[in-house]
Amino acid sequence: MQSHNEQRRESNTKHPGKPSPPGNKQGLVLDDFLWATYDMRRHFDLRTPQFGLKQIEQYPGARETVGKLIQATIDRHGAEIYSKPGPLLSEISTDIYSERVATAAYSGRKISPKWIGQSLRKPLKEALQTLAQLPDRDSKPDYSPRKLRLLASHFSKLAEEADTVLQQKEARDRVLAHFRGIGEAGRDRLLRVAEEMRWAAATLSVMILRTRVVKSHISSPNPQVRFALYMAGWFKASTRREQYAPPSQHS
């Protein structure tokens, strides 16, 4: 199922050069990549990882690949890299952001040239940590038509119980005494609660019979695969080349 945020992220990664400042270099905005990583960590409630990029780079070819990704991004965008101020990049340095940029399409801050490498390395580290921590399957949704049927049944039973209790003289006397001087609206609402529950039970029962929910298609039921594809697409867009081959095969 694709959320509005996921659709927005896909759209943004197709155009990572926004904004496009004057000069020979394209402009790269980091906000989408930062948000996509944060959103995954928040959605799956991932804990603080106990490993960093140094451990990841110990795998064969990892250090070379990370370096080439960062360098290819810098080669394409130079110092024209932007982000809205946020906690992740702010951890690098208090002066990581330089001048403010505001156009019709984007407003944010330019990354200070001396922090360009780290401003790319740190989000990549967090994205790779997130990828390693993600589960290989989505959790099953905590919903089924059976729950609606049970709810309708509960409403029916509670309606019968409410009728039985509220029709007793002592109960009605208490209701009348409580609402005396307060107003008739609240009194009538409470005395009609059984009727409302019957209406809710009947409405749910009809709804179950007459409606059918079609599940939205998702690219993969594996969150790791989905996020890996997102990362590959983002780096393809930001470096202007596919990044699938082993490092030794890149020209």
C-alpha atoms as a PDB file:
ATOM      1  CA  MET A   1       0.000   0.000   0.000  1.00  0.00           C
ATOM      2  CA  GLN A   2       1.503   3.291  -1.044  1.00  0.00           C
ATOM      3  CA  SER A   3       1.003   6.213   1.254  1.00  0.00           C
ATOM      4  CA  HIS A   4       0.898   9.867   0.236  1.00  0.00           C
ATOM      5  CA  ASN A   5       4.391  10.277   1.642  1.00  0.00           C
ATOM      6  CA  GLU A   6       5.689   7.334  -0.393  1.00  0.00           C
ATOM      7  CA  GLN A   7       4.198   8.798  -3.557  1.00  0.00           C
ATOM      8  CA  ARG A   8       5.796  12.146  -2.741  1.00  0.00           C
ATOM      9  CA  ARG A   9       9.148  10.500  -2.113  1.00  0.00           C
ATOM     10  CA  GLU A  10       9.056   8.669  -5.446  1.00  0.00           C
ATOM     11  CA  SER A  11       8.209  11.894  -7.231  1.00  0.00           C
ATOM     12  CA  ASN A  12      11.027  13.787  -5.530  1.00  0.00           C
ATOM     13  CA  THR A  13      13.681  11.190  -6.313  1.00  0.00           C
ATOM     14  CA  LYS A  14      12.895  11.541 -10.003  1.00  0.00           C
ATOM     15  CA  HIS A  15      13.905  15.197  -9.710  1.00  0.00           C
ATOM     16  CA  PRO A  16      16.655  15.376  -7.082  1.00  0.00           C
ATOM     17  CA  GLY A  17      18.096  18.443  -8.771  1.00  0.00           C
ATOM     18  CA  LYS A  18      15.470  20.799  -7.364  1.00  0.00           C
ATOM     19  CA  PRO A  19      16.272  23.566  -6.798  1.00  0.00           C
ATOM     20  CA  SER A  20      18.608  24.209  -9.719  1.00  0.00           C
ATOM     21  CA  PRO A  21      20.806  27.165  -8.783  1.00  0.00           C
ATOM     22  CA  PRO A  22      22.832  29.008 -11.412  1.00  0.00           C
ATOM     23  CA  GLY A  23      26.166  27.455 -12.347  1.00  0.00           C
ATOM     24  CA  ASN A  24      27.537  24.309 -13.900  1.00  0.00           C
ATOM     25  CA  LYS A  25      26.423  21.964 -11.120  1.00  0.00           C
ATOM     26  CA  GLN A  26      22.957  20.540 -10.503  1.00  0.00           C
ATOM     27  CA  GLY A  27      21.339  21.195  -7.142  1.00  0.00           C
ATOM     28  CA  LEU A  28      20.685  18.276  -4.798  1.00  0.00           C
ATOM     29  CA  VAL A  29      18.125  18.358  -1.987  1.00  0.00           C
ATOM     30  CA  LEU A  30      18.700  15.869   0.850  1.00  0.00           C
ATOM     31  CA  ASP A  31      15.318  16.293   2.542  1.00  0.00           C
ATOM     32  CA  ASP A  32      13.609  13.413   0.759  1.00  0.00           C
ATOM     33  CA  PHE A  33      16.345  10.901   1.551  1.00  0.00           C
ATOM     34  CA  LEU A  34      16.452  12.010   5.188  1.00  0.00           C
ATOM     35  CA  TRP A  35      12.664  11.800   5.509  1.00  0.00           C
ATOM     36  CA  ALA A  36      12.433   8.376   3.856  1.00  0.00           C
ATOM     37  CA  THR A  37      14.950   6.966   6.342  1.00  0.00           C
ATOM     38  CA  TYR A  38      13.298   8.620   9.325  1.00  0.00           C
ATOM     39  CA  ASP A  39       9.877   7.414   8.201  1.00  0.00           C
ATOM     40  CA  MET A  40      11.077   3.801   7.974  1.00  0.00           C
ATOM     41  CA  ARG A  41      12.687   3.950  11.419  1.00  0.00           C
ATOM     42  CA  ARG A  42       9.575   5.495  12.945  1.00  0.00           C
ATOM     43  CA  HIS A  43       7.138   3.130  11.223  1.00  0.00           C
ATOM     44  CA  PHE A  44       9.014  -0.010  12.329  1.00  0.00           C
ATOM     45  CA  ASP A  45      10.051   1.463  15.689  1.00  0.00           C
ATOM     46  CA  LEU A  46      13.723   0.614  15.125  1.00  0.00           C
ATOM     47  CA  ARG A  47      16.097   0.895  18.056  1.00  0.00           C
ATOM     48  CA  THR A  48      19.384   2.780  18.052  1.00  0.00           C
ATOM     49  CA  PRO A  49      21.776   0.534  16.073  1.00  0.00           C
ATOM     50  CA  GLN A  50      24.832  -0.912  17.780  1.00  0.00           C
ATOM     51  CA  PHE A  51      26.944  -0.723  14.616  1.00  0.00           C
ATOM     52  CA  GLY A  52      28.092   2.063  12.352  1.00  0.00           C
ATOM     53  CA  LEU A  53      29.433   2.684   8.868  1.00  0.00           C
ATOM     54  CA  LYS A  54      32.879   1.422   9.839  1.00  0.00           C
ATOM     55  CA  GLN A  55      31.439  -2.018  10.551  1.00  0.00           C
ATOM     56  CA  ILE A  56      29.417  -1.934   7.322  1.00  0.00           C
ATOM     57  CA  GLU A  57      32.518  -0.995   5.308  1.00  0.00           C
ATOM     58  CA  GLN A  58      34.296  -4.138   6.514  1.00  0.00           C
ATOM     59  CA  TYR A  59      32.231  -6.172   4.040  1.00  0.00           C
ATOM     60  CA  PRO A  60      34.029  -6.832   0.713  1.00  0.00           C
ATOM     61  CA  GLY A  61      33.674  -3.895  -1.651  1.00  0.00           C
ATOM     62  CA  ALA A  62      31.550  -1.860   0.764  1.00  0.00           C
ATOM     63  CA  ARG A  63      34.125   0.869   1.496  1.00  0.00           C
ATOM     64  CA  GLU A  64      34.858   1.374  -2.206  1.00  0.00           C
ATOM     65  CA  THR A  65      31.168   1.487  -3.068  1.00  0.00           C
ATOM     66  CA  VAL A  66      30.339   4.007  -0.341  1.00  0.00           C
ATOM     67  CA  GLY A  67      33.226   6.195  -1.449  1.00  0.00           C
ATOM     68  CA  LYS A  68      32.194   6.060  -5.101  1.00  0.00           C
ATOM     69  CA  LEU A  69      28.570   6.881  -4.298  1.00  0.00           C
ATOM     70  CA  ILE A  70      29.582   9.933  -2.300  1.00  0.00           C
ATOM     71  CA  GLN A  71      32.163  11.066  -4.852  1.00  0.00           C
ATOM     72  CA  ALA A  72      29.787  10.598  -7.790  1.00  0.00           C
ATOM     73  CA  THR A  73      27.211  12.716  -5.977  1.00  0.00           C
ATOM     74  CA  ILE A  74      29.770  15.445  -5.286  1.00  0.00           C
ATOM     75  CA  ASP A  75      31.035  15.309  -8.889  1.00  0.00           C
ATOM     76  CA  ARG A  76      27.517  15.951 -10.132  1.00  0.00           C
ATOM     77  CA  HIS A  77      26.365  18.529  -7.601  1.00  0.00           C
ATOM     78  CA  GLY A  78      29.517  20.091  -6.205  1.00  0.00           C
ATOM     79  CA  ALA A  79      28.709  22.529  -3.438  1.00  0.00           C
ATOM     80  CA  GLU A  80      25.081  22.896  -4.558  1.00  0.00           C
ATOM     81  CA  ILE A  81      23.638  20.601  -1.875  1.00  0.00           C
ATOM     82  CA  TYR A  82      20.716  21.679   0.279  1.00  0.00           C
ATOM     83  CA  SER A  83      18.632  20.573   3.229  1.00  0.00           C
ATOM     84  CA  LYS A  84      16.123  21.937   5.666  1.00  0.00           C
ATOM     85  CA  PRO A  85      17.696  22.180   9.146  1.00  0.00           C
ATOM     86  CA  GLY A  86      17.201  18.941  11.056  1.00  0.00           C
ATOM     87  CA  PRO A  87      18.676  16.984  13.969  1.00  0.00           C
ATOM     88  CA  LEU A  88      20.626  14.398  11.952  1.00  0.00           C
ATOM     89  CA  LEU A  89      22.796  16.803   9.988  1.00  0.00           C
ATOM     90  CA  SER A  90      22.995  19.251  12.872  1.00  0.00           C
ATOM     91  CA  GLU A  91      24.880  16.568  14.822  1.00  0.00           C
ATOM     92  CA  ILE A  92      27.781  16.981  12.396  1.00  0.00           C
ATOM     93  CA  SER A  93      28.498  20.610  13.237  1.00  0.00           C
ATOM     94  CA  THR A  94      26.776  23.759  14.405  1.00  0.00           C
ATOM     95  CA  ASP A  95      27.931  25.535  11.230  1.00  0.00           C
ATOM     96  CA  ILE A  96      26.938  22.832   8.737  1.00  0.00           C
ATOM     97  CA  TYR A  97      24.320  25.133   7.185  1.00  0.00           C
ATOM     98  CA  SER A  98      25.330  28.250   5.305  1.00  0.00           C
ATOM     99  CA  GLU A  99      23.067  30.673   3.431  1.00  0.00           C
ATOM    100  CA  ARG A 100      19.315  30.336   3.196  1.00  0.00           C
ATOM    101  CA  VAL A 101      17.771  29.439  -0.169  1.00  0.00           C
ATOM    102  CA  ALA A 102      14.207  30.343  -1.086  1.00  0.00           C
ATOM    103  CA  THR A 103      12.595  29.766  -4.479  1.00  0.00           C
ATOM    104  CA  ALA A 104       9.062  29.115  -5.667  1.00  0.00           C
ATOM    105  CA  ALA A 105       9.768  25.365  -5.508  1.00  0.00           C
ATOM    106  CA  TYR A 106      11.954  25.020  -2.423  1.00  0.00           C
ATOM    107  CA  SER A 107      13.155  26.745   0.727  1.00  0.00           C
ATOM    108  CA  GLY A 108      15.968  25.473   2.894  1.00  0.00           C
ATOM    109  CA  ARG A 109      19.643  25.952   3.675  1.00  0.00           C
ATOM    110  CA  LYS A 110      22.759  25.334   1.626  1.00  0.00           C
ATOM    111  CA  ILE A 111      25.248  22.883   3.135  1.00  0.00           C
ATOM    112  CA  SER A 112      28.560  24.533   3.938  1.00  0.00           C
ATOM    113  CA  PRO A 113      31.146  23.334   1.357  1.00  0.00           C
ATOM    114  CA  LYS A 114      33.547  22.001   4.010  1.00  0.00           C
ATOM    115  CA  TRP A 115      30.830  19.673   5.344  1.00  0.00           C
ATOM    116  CA  ILE A 116      29.570  18.315   1.990  1.00  0.00           C
ATOM    117  CA  GLY A 117      31.269  14.916   2.360  1.00  0.00           C
ATOM    118  CA  GLN A 118      29.995  14.315   5.877  1.00  0.00           C
ATOM    119  CA  SER A 119      26.527  15.612   4.991  1.00  0.00           C
ATOM    120  CA  LEU A 120      26.320  12.755   2.457  1.00  0.00           C
ATOM    121  CA  ARG A 121      28.135  10.138   4.515  1.00  0.00           C
ATOM    122  CA  LYS A 122      25.995  10.505   7.651  1.00  0.00           C
ATOM    123  CA  PRO A 123      22.573  10.031   5.925  1.00  0.00           C
ATOM    124  CA  LEU A 124      24.007   7.101   3.964  1.00  0.00           C
ATOM    125  CA  LYS A 125      25.200   5.526   7.215  1.00  0.00           C
ATOM    126  CA  GLU A 126      21.763   5.891   8.795  1.00  0.00           C
ATOM    127  CA  ALA A 127      20.050   4.520   5.675  1.00  0.00           C
ATOM    128  CA  LEU A 128      22.307   1.440   5.640  1.00  0.00           C
ATOM    129  CA  GLN A 129      21.760   0.914   9.367  1.00  0.00           C
ATOM    130  CA  THR A 130      18.017   1.132   8.770  1.00  0.00           C
ATOM    131  CA  LEU A 131      18.210  -1.323   5.873  1.00  0.00           C
ATOM    132  CA  ALA A 132      20.024  -3.855   8.053  1.00  0.00           C
ATOM    133  CA  GLN A 133      17.516  -3.477  10.912  1.00  0.00           C
ATOM    134  CA  LEU A 134      14.319  -3.709   8.879  1.00  0.00           C
ATOM    135  CA  PRO A 135      12.291  -6.941   9.139  1.00  0.00           C
ATOM    136  CA  ASP A 136      12.032  -9.160   6.089  1.00  0.00           C
ATOM    137  CA  ARG A 137       8.229  -9.185   6.226  1.00  0.00           C
ATOM    138  CA  ASP A 138       5.546  -6.643   6.985  1.00  0.00           C
ATOM    139  CA  SER A 139       3.539  -7.372  10.105  1.00  0.00           C
ATOM    140  CA  LYS A 140       0.075  -8.720   9.510  1.00  0.00           C
ATOM    141  CA  PRO A 141      -2.590  -6.014   9.696  1.00  0.00           C
ATOM    142  CA  ASP A 142      -4.495  -6.022  12.970  1.00  0.00           C
ATOM    143  CA  TYR A 143      -7.835  -6.024  11.206  1.00  0.00           C
ATOM    144  CA  SER A 144     -10.292  -8.486   9.708  1.00  0.00           C
ATOM    145  CA  PRO A 145     -14.029  -8.530   8.853  1.00  0.00           C
ATOM    146  CA  ARG A 146     -14.432 -10.880  11.801  1.00  0.00           C
ATOM    147  CA  LYS A 147     -13.621  -8.016  14.180  1.00  0.00           C
ATOM    148  CA  LEU A 148     -16.409  -5.928  12.684  1.00  0.00           C
ATOM    149  CA  ARG A 149     -18.840  -8.820  13.074  1.00  0.00           C
ATOM    150  CA  LEU A 150     -17.800  -9.237  16.720  1.00  0.00           C
ATOM    151  CA  LEU A 151     -18.267  -5.513  17.287  1.00  0.00           C
ATOM    152  CA  ALA A 152     -21.773  -5.638  15.792  1.00  0.00           C
ATOM    153  CA  SER A 153     -22.586  -8.572  18.058  1.00  0.00           C
ATOM    154  CA  HIS A 154     -21.280  -6.713  21.126  1.00  0.00           C
ATOM    155  CA  PHE A 155     -23.420  -3.698  20.266  1.00  0.00           C
ATOM    156  CA  SER A 156     -26.521  -5.902  20.020  1.00  0.00           C
ATOM    157  CA  LYS A 157     -25.852  -7.547  23.369  1.00  0.00           C
ATOM    158  CA  LEU A 158     -25.132  -4.200  25.054  1.00  0.00           C
ATOM    159  CA  ALA A 159     -28.354  -2.783  23.612  1.00  0.00           C
ATOM    160  CA  GLU A 160     -30.341  -5.576  25.239  1.00  0.00           C
ATOM    161  CA  GLU A 161     -28.509  -5.046  28.538  1.00  0.00           C
ATOM    162  CA  ALA A 162     -29.055  -1.275  28.383  1.00  0.00           C
ATOM    163  CA  ASP A 163     -32.770  -1.777  27.760  1.00  0.00           C
ATOM    164  CA  THR A 164     -33.077  -4.174  30.679  1.00  0.00           C
ATOM    165  CA  VAL A 165     -31.294  -1.875  33.135  1.00  0.00           C
ATOM    166  CA  LEU A 166     -32.631   1.496  32.010  1.00  0.00           C
ATOM    167  CA  GLN A 167     -36.238   0.295  32.040  1.00  0.00           C
ATOM    168  CA  GLN A 168     -36.027  -0.473  35.743  1.00  0.00           C
ATOM    169  CA  LYS A 169     -37.761   2.147  37.891  1.00  0.00           C
ATOM    170  CA  GLU A 170     -34.807   2.924  40.156  1.00  0.00           C
ATOM    171  CA  ALA A 171     -32.471   3.392  37.189  1.00  0.00           C
ATOM    172  CA  ARG A 172     -34.898   5.719  35.406  1.00  0.00           C
ATOM    173  CA  ASP A 173     -35.464   7.696  38.627  1.00  0.00           C
ATOM    174  CA  ARG A 174     -31.718   8.170  38.978  1.00  0.00           C
ATOM    175  CA  VAL A 175     -31.460   9.332  35.364  1.00  0.00           C
ATOM    176  CA  LEU A 176     -34.316  11.821  35.838  1.00  0.00           C
ATOM    177  CA  ALA A 177     -32.812  13.109  39.089  1.00  0.00           C
ATOM    178  CA  HIS A 178     -29.375  13.538  37.566  1.00  0.00           C
ATOM    179  CA  PHE A 179     -30.564  15.532  34.569  1.00  0.00           C
ATOM    180  CA  ARG A 180     -33.164  17.599  36.447  1.00  0.00           C
ATOM    181  CA  GLY A 181     -32.161  21.190  35.941  1.00  0.00           C
ATOM    182  CA  ILE A 182     -29.405  20.245  33.491  1.00  0.00           C
ATOM    183  CA  GLY A 183     -31.552  19.763  30.428  1.00  0.00           C
ATOM    184  CA  GLU A 184     -33.602  17.199  28.602  1.00  0.00           C
ATOM    185  CA  ALA A 185     -31.113  16.647  25.781  1.00  0.00           C
ATOM    186  CA  GLY A 186     -28.655  14.677  27.898  1.00  0.00           C
ATOM    187  CA  ARG A 187     -31.429  12.689  29.578  1.00  0.00           C
ATOM    188  CA  ASP A 188     -32.965  11.695  26.244  1.00  0.00           C
ATOM    189  CA  ARG A 189     -29.579  10.834  24.784  1.00  0.00           C
ATOM    190  CA  LEU A 190     -28.817   8.429  27.613  1.00  0.00           C
ATOM    191  CA  LEU A 191     -32.236   6.807  27.451  1.00  0.00           C
ATOM    192  CA  ARG A 192     -31.810   6.290  23.684  1.00  0.00           C
ATOM    193  CA  VAL A 193     -28.416   4.620  24.015  1.00  0.00           C
ATOM    194  CA  ALA A 194     -29.891   1.141  23.393  1.00  0.00           C
ATOM    195  CA  GLU A 195     -31.506   2.402  20.196  1.00  0.00           C
ATOM    196  CA  GLU A 196     -28.185   3.868  19.035  1.00  0.00           C
ATOM    197  CA  MET A 197     -26.369   0.609  19.707  1.00  0.00           C
ATOM    198  CA  ARG A 198     -28.949  -1.349  17.711  1.00  0.00           C
ATOM    199  CA  TRP A 199     -28.513   1.114  14.859  1.00  0.00           C
ATOM    200  CA  ALA A 200     -24.718   0.700  14.995  1.00  0.00           C
ATOM    201  CA  ALA A 201     -25.003  -3.103  15.028  1.00  0.00           C
ATOM    202  CA  ALA A 202     -27.400  -3.125  12.068  1.00  0.00           C
ATOM    203  CA  THR A 203     -25.258  -0.636  10.105  1.00  0.00           C
ATOM    204  CA  LEU A 204     -22.076  -2.645  10.640  1.00  0.00           C
ATOM    205  CA  SER A 205     -23.804  -5.858   9.580  1.00  0.00           C
ATOM    206  CA  VAL A 206     -25.071  -4.308   6.347  1.00  0.00           C
ATOM    207  CA  MET A 207     -21.703  -2.661   5.696  1.00  0.00           C
ATOM    208  CA  ILE A 208     -19.889  -5.997   5.959  1.00  0.00           C
ATOM    209  CA  LEU A 209     -22.246  -7.574   3.430  1.00  0.00           C
ATOM    210  CA  ARG A 210     -22.269  -4.738   0.906  1.00  0.00           C
ATOM    211  CA  THR A 211     -18.684  -3.530   0.878  1.00  0.00           C
ATOM    212  CA  ARG A 212     -15.401  -5.053  -0.165  1.00  0.00           C
ATOM    213  CA  VAL A 213     -11.995  -3.517   0.450  1.00  0.00           C
ATOM    214  CA  VAL A 214      -9.446  -3.996  -2.305  1.00  0.00           C
ATOM    215  CA  LYS A 215      -5.897  -4.032  -0.969  1.00  0.00           C
ATOM    216  CA  SER A 216      -3.516  -1.667  -2.700  1.00  0.00           C
ATOM    217  CA  HIS A 217      -0.599  -3.218  -4.528  1.00  0.00           C
ATOM    218  CA  ILE A 218       2.813  -2.766  -2.929  1.00  0.00           C
ATOM    219  CA  SER A 219       6.115  -3.235  -4.734  1.00  0.00           C
ATOM    220  CA  SER A 220       7.286  -5.925  -2.303  1.00  0.00           C
ATOM    221  CA  PRO A 221       6.027  -7.410   0.965  1.00  0.00           C
ATOM    222  CA  ASN A 222       9.639  -7.215   2.196  1.00  0.00           C
ATOM    223  CA  PRO A 223      10.428  -3.815   3.783  1.00  0.00           C
ATOM    224  CA  GLN A 224      14.155  -4.381   3.239  1.00  0.00           C
ATOM    225  CA  VAL A 225      13.609  -4.843  -0.496  1.00  0.00           C
ATOM    226  CA  ARG A 226      11.353  -1.782  -0.712  1.00  0.00           C
ATOM    227  CA  PHE A 227      13.852   0.443   1.063  1.00  0.00           C
ATOM    228  CA  ALA A 228      16.810  -0.971  -0.900  1.00  0.00           C
ATOM    229  CA  LEU A 229      14.985  -0.200  -4.159  1.00  0.00           C
ATOM    230  CA  TYR A 230      14.236   3.303  -2.912  1.00  0.00           C
ATOM    231  CA  MET A 231      17.912   3.852  -2.050  1.00  0.00           C
ATOM    232  CA  ALA A 232      19.045   2.508  -5.429  1.00  0.00           C
ATOM    233  CA  GLY A 233      16.583   4.782  -7.203  1.00  0.00           C
ATOM    234  CA  TRP A 234      17.666   7.802  -5.196  1.00  0.00           C
ATOM    235  CA  PHE A 235      21.350   7.263  -5.931  1.00  0.00           C
ATOM    236  CA  LYS A 236      20.621   6.578  -9.592  1.00  0.00           C
ATOM    237  CA  ALA A 237      18.846   9.934  -9.738  1.00  0.00           C
ATOM    238  CA  SER A 238      21.404  11.836  -7.659  1.00  0.00           C
ATOM    239  CA  THR A 239      24.477  10.437  -9.461  1.00  0.00           C
ATOM    240  CA  ARG A 240      22.842  10.079 -12.894  1.00  0.00           C
ATOM    241  CA  ARG A 241      23.867   6.437 -13.249  1.00  0.00           C
ATOM    242  CA  GLU A 242      22.690   3.051 -12.059  1.00  0.00           C
ATOM    243  CA  GLN A 243      24.582   1.768  -9.030  1.00  0.00           C
ATOM    244  CA  TYR A 244      23.928  -1.973  -9.280  1.00  0.00           C
ATOM    245  CA  ALA A 245      27.202  -3.438 -10.549  1.00  0.00           C
ATOM    246  CA  PRO A 246      30.090  -4.422  -8.237  1.00  0.00           C
ATOM    247  CA  PRO A 247      32.563  -1.555  -7.704  1.00  0.00           C
ATOM    248  CA  SER A 248      35.197  -3.088  -9.988  1.00  0.00           C
ATOM    249  CA  GLN A 249      32.772  -2.954 -12.939  1.00  0.00           C
ATOM    250  CA  HIS A 250      32.123   0.784 -12.703  1.00  0.00           C
ATOM    251  CA  SER A 251      34.036   2.887 -15.144  1.00  0.00           C
END
